[in-house]
Amino acid sequence: DTRWVSQSQLLQMFDDDTLLFSPWFRIIANKWMVGGGGWWDDLEKTMNTNMFCDYETIHRFDPPEEHMGGGGDAGPWLCE
């Protein structure tokens, strides 16, 4: 399912253990979108400047906790 949500609604949804997000969405959202200077805090600058652009860095992430385990026994692989 898809739907439009506010920043506060998204954060509430993250706290709901019955909801499962794609493996990388929660990491990306918490690292760059919401809280503490994330781009969602200032949409004017986000849409009209390159303030939040980083064309140089390649970011690598381990899967979030809820996606570890299973048949493939996924676990931490990359350390930041």
N, C-alpha and C. Protein backbone atom coordinates (compact mmCIF):
# COMPACT_ATOMS: atom_id res chain seq x y z
N ASP A 1 0.83 -1.19 0.00
CA ASP A 1 0.00 0.00 0.00
C ASP A 1 0.87 1.25 0.00
N THR A 2 0.35 2.31 -0.55
CA THR A 2 1.01 3.61 -0.49
C THR A 2 0.02 4.63 0.03
N ARG A 3 0.55 5.65 0.70
CA ARG A 3 -0.29 6.76 1.13
C ARG A 3 0.59 7.95 1.48
N TRP A 4 -0.01 9.13 1.43
CA TRP A 4 0.66 10.36 1.80
C TRP A 4 0.57 10.50 3.31
N VAL A 5 1.71 10.80 3.96
CA VAL A 5 1.72 10.99 5.42
C VAL A 5 2.57 12.20 5.75
N SER A 6 2.31 12.74 6.93
CA SER A 6 3.16 13.82 7.44
C SER A 6 4.39 13.20 8.09
N GLN A 7 5.36 14.03 8.42
CA GLN A 7 6.55 13.55 9.09
C GLN A 7 6.20 12.88 10.42
N SER A 8 5.31 13.50 11.19
CA SER A 8 4.94 12.91 12.49
C SER A 8 4.18 11.59 12.30
N GLN A 9 3.36 11.49 11.27
CA GLN A 9 2.66 10.23 11.00
C GLN A 9 3.65 9.13 10.63
N LEU A 10 4.65 9.47 9.83
CA LEU A 10 5.65 8.48 9.45
C LEU A 10 6.40 7.98 10.69
N LEU A 11 6.79 8.88 11.57
CA LEU A 11 7.49 8.47 12.78
C LEU A 11 6.61 7.59 13.65
N GLN A 12 5.32 7.87 13.73
CA GLN A 12 4.39 7.01 14.47
C GLN A 12 4.30 5.64 13.80
N MET A 13 4.29 5.61 12.48
CA MET A 13 4.23 4.34 11.76
C MET A 13 5.49 3.52 12.02
N PHE A 14 6.63 4.16 12.14
CA PHE A 14 7.87 3.44 12.45
C PHE A 14 7.78 2.74 13.80
N ASP A 15 7.02 3.30 14.74
CA ASP A 15 6.87 2.71 16.07
C ASP A 15 5.86 1.56 16.10
N ASP A 16 5.13 1.36 15.03
CA ASP A 16 4.11 0.31 14.95
C ASP A 16 4.75 -0.99 14.48
N ASP A 17 4.87 -1.97 15.39
CA ASP A 17 5.54 -3.23 15.06
C ASP A 17 4.76 -4.08 14.06
N THR A 18 3.50 -3.73 13.79
CA THR A 18 2.73 -4.50 12.82
C THR A 18 3.01 -4.07 11.39
N LEU A 19 3.72 -2.95 11.22
CA LEU A 19 4.05 -2.45 9.89
C LEU A 19 5.47 -2.85 9.52
N LEU A 20 5.66 -3.30 8.31
CA LEU A 20 6.98 -3.68 7.82
C LEU A 20 7.33 -2.79 6.62
N PHE A 21 8.45 -2.12 6.71
CA PHE A 21 8.90 -1.24 5.64
C PHE A 21 9.95 -1.95 4.81
N SER A 22 10.18 -1.47 3.60
CA SER A 22 11.23 -2.06 2.78
C SER A 22 12.55 -1.97 3.56
N PRO A 23 13.47 -2.90 3.30
CA PRO A 23 14.69 -2.97 4.11
C PRO A 23 15.45 -1.67 4.23
N TRP A 24 15.49 -0.85 3.17
CA TRP A 24 16.34 0.33 3.21
C TRP A 24 15.59 1.61 3.53
N PHE A 25 14.27 1.60 3.41
CA PHE A 25 13.52 2.84 3.61
C PHE A 25 13.70 3.40 5.01
N ARG A 26 13.57 2.57 6.02
CA ARG A 26 13.68 3.04 7.41
C ARG A 26 15.07 3.64 7.66
N ILE A 27 16.14 3.00 7.14
CA ILE A 27 17.50 3.52 7.32
C ILE A 27 17.64 4.88 6.65
N ILE A 28 17.21 4.98 5.40
CA ILE A 28 17.33 6.23 4.65
C ILE A 28 16.50 7.33 5.30
N ALA A 29 15.28 7.01 5.69
CA ALA A 29 14.41 8.02 6.32
C ALA A 29 15.02 8.54 7.61
N ASN A 30 15.49 7.64 8.47
CA ASN A 30 16.05 8.07 9.76
C ASN A 30 17.38 8.80 9.60
N LYS A 31 18.15 8.44 8.60
CA LYS A 31 19.46 9.06 8.41
C LYS A 31 19.37 10.43 7.75
N TRP A 32 18.47 10.60 6.78
CA TRP A 32 18.45 11.84 6.00
C TRP A 32 17.13 12.60 5.96
N MET A 33 16.01 11.94 6.15
CA MET A 33 14.73 12.62 5.94
C MET A 33 14.18 13.30 7.19
N VAL A 34 14.13 12.59 8.30
CA VAL A 34 13.41 13.08 9.47
C VAL A 34 14.33 13.36 10.64
N GLY A 35 13.86 14.24 11.52
CA GLY A 35 14.59 14.54 12.75
C GLY A 35 15.92 15.23 12.51
N GLY A 36 16.41 15.88 13.52
CA GLY A 36 17.73 16.48 13.56
C GLY A 36 18.32 17.03 12.28
N GLY A 37 17.63 17.90 11.60
CA GLY A 37 18.17 18.53 10.41
C GLY A 37 17.98 17.76 9.13
N GLY A 38 17.13 16.75 9.15
CA GLY A 38 16.83 16.02 7.92
C GLY A 38 16.17 16.93 6.90
N TRP A 39 16.20 16.51 5.64
CA TRP A 39 15.69 17.39 4.58
C TRP A 39 14.20 17.65 4.68
N TRP A 40 13.44 16.80 5.34
CA TRP A 40 12.00 17.03 5.45
C TRP A 40 11.71 18.22 6.37
N ASP A 41 12.66 18.56 7.24
CA ASP A 41 12.48 19.70 8.14
C ASP A 41 12.47 21.04 7.40
N ASP A 42 13.07 21.09 6.21
CA ASP A 42 13.12 22.34 5.45
C ASP A 42 12.89 22.04 3.97
N LEU A 43 11.64 21.81 3.60
CA LEU A 43 11.31 21.45 2.22
C LEU A 43 11.63 22.57 1.23
N GLU A 44 11.58 23.80 1.68
CA GLU A 44 11.93 24.92 0.80
C GLU A 44 13.37 24.79 0.31
N LYS A 45 14.31 24.57 1.24
CA LYS A 45 15.70 24.37 0.85
C LYS A 45 15.90 23.07 0.09
N THR A 46 15.17 22.04 0.48
CA THR A 46 15.29 20.75 -0.18
C THR A 46 14.93 20.85 -1.66
N MET A 47 13.87 21.57 -1.96
CA MET A 47 13.38 21.66 -3.33
C MET A 47 14.10 22.72 -4.16
N ASN A 48 14.73 23.70 -3.51
CA ASN A 48 15.27 24.83 -4.26
C ASN A 48 16.78 25.03 -4.16
N THR A 49 17.47 24.14 -3.45
CA THR A 49 18.93 24.25 -3.34
C THR A 49 19.53 22.84 -3.45
N ASN A 50 20.83 22.79 -3.45
CA ASN A 50 21.55 21.51 -3.41
C ASN A 50 22.07 21.22 -2.01
N MET A 51 21.52 21.89 -1.01
CA MET A 51 22.01 21.77 0.36
C MET A 51 22.08 20.33 0.84
N PHE A 52 21.14 19.51 0.45
CA PHE A 52 21.08 18.13 0.94
C PHE A 52 21.60 17.12 -0.08
N CYS A 53 22.23 17.60 -1.14
CA CYS A 53 22.75 16.71 -2.18
C CYS A 53 24.18 16.29 -1.85
N ASP A 54 24.47 15.04 -2.08
CA ASP A 54 25.83 14.52 -1.92
C ASP A 54 26.09 13.61 -3.11
N TYR A 55 26.79 14.10 -4.09
CA TYR A 55 27.05 13.34 -5.30
C TYR A 55 28.39 12.60 -5.24
N GLU A 56 29.09 12.71 -4.13
CA GLU A 56 30.44 12.15 -4.01
C GLU A 56 30.48 10.84 -3.21
N THR A 57 29.63 10.73 -2.18
CA THR A 57 29.73 9.64 -1.23
C THR A 57 28.88 8.45 -1.64
N ILE A 58 29.46 7.27 -1.54
CA ILE A 58 28.70 6.03 -1.71
C ILE A 58 28.39 5.52 -0.31
N HIS A 59 27.12 5.38 0.02
CA HIS A 59 26.70 4.93 1.35
C HIS A 59 26.34 3.46 1.30
N ARG A 60 26.80 2.71 2.28
CA ARG A 60 26.50 1.28 2.37
C ARG A 60 25.86 1.01 3.73
N PHE A 61 24.88 0.13 3.75
CA PHE A 61 24.14 -0.15 4.97
C PHE A 61 23.93 -1.65 5.16
N ASP A 62 23.95 -2.08 6.40
CA ASP A 62 23.47 -3.41 6.74
C ASP A 62 21.94 -3.38 6.70
N PRO A 63 21.29 -4.55 6.55
CA PRO A 63 19.83 -4.55 6.60
C PRO A 63 19.35 -4.19 8.00
N PRO A 64 18.15 -3.59 8.10
CA PRO A 64 17.61 -3.29 9.42
C PRO A 64 17.35 -4.57 10.21
N GLU A 65 17.26 -4.45 11.51
CA GLU A 65 17.10 -5.58 12.42
C GLU A 65 15.96 -6.51 12.00
N GLU A 66 14.82 -5.95 11.59
CA GLU A 66 13.66 -6.79 11.27
C GLU A 66 13.85 -7.63 10.02
N HIS A 67 14.91 -7.37 9.26
CA HIS A 67 15.17 -8.14 8.05
C HIS A 67 16.34 -9.09 8.20
N MET A 68 16.88 -9.20 9.41
CA MET A 68 17.97 -10.13 9.64
C MET A 68 17.40 -11.50 10.02
N GLY A 69 18.20 -12.52 9.81
CA GLY A 69 17.76 -13.87 10.13
C GLY A 69 17.13 -14.51 8.91
N GLY A 70 16.13 -15.33 9.13
CA GLY A 70 15.46 -16.00 8.02
C GLY A 70 16.29 -17.13 7.45
N GLY A 71 15.85 -17.68 6.32
CA GLY A 71 16.50 -18.81 5.70
C GLY A 71 17.95 -18.54 5.32
N GLY A 72 18.26 -17.31 4.95
CA GLY A 72 19.61 -16.96 4.55
C GLY A 72 20.49 -16.57 5.72
N ASP A 73 19.92 -16.53 6.92
CA ASP A 73 20.65 -16.17 8.14
C ASP A 73 21.38 -14.84 7.98
N ALA A 74 20.68 -13.84 7.42
CA ALA A 74 21.28 -12.51 7.21
C ALA A 74 21.67 -11.90 8.54
N GLY A 75 22.77 -11.21 8.55
CA GLY A 75 23.24 -10.53 9.73
C GLY A 75 24.10 -9.35 9.34
N PRO A 76 24.66 -8.65 10.32
CA PRO A 76 25.50 -7.50 10.00
C PRO A 76 26.67 -7.91 9.12
N TRP A 77 26.92 -7.10 8.11
CA TRP A 77 28.02 -7.36 7.19
C TRP A 77 28.89 -6.13 7.04
N LEU A 78 28.26 -4.98 6.95
CA LEU A 78 28.97 -3.73 6.77
C LEU A 78 28.96 -2.97 8.07
N CYS A 79 30.06 -2.46 8.48
CA CYS A 79 30.11 -1.64 9.69
C CYS A 79 30.37 -0.20 9.30
N GLU A 80 29.54 0.71 9.83
CA GLU A 80 29.78 2.13 9.57
C GLU A 80 30.67 2.68 10.64
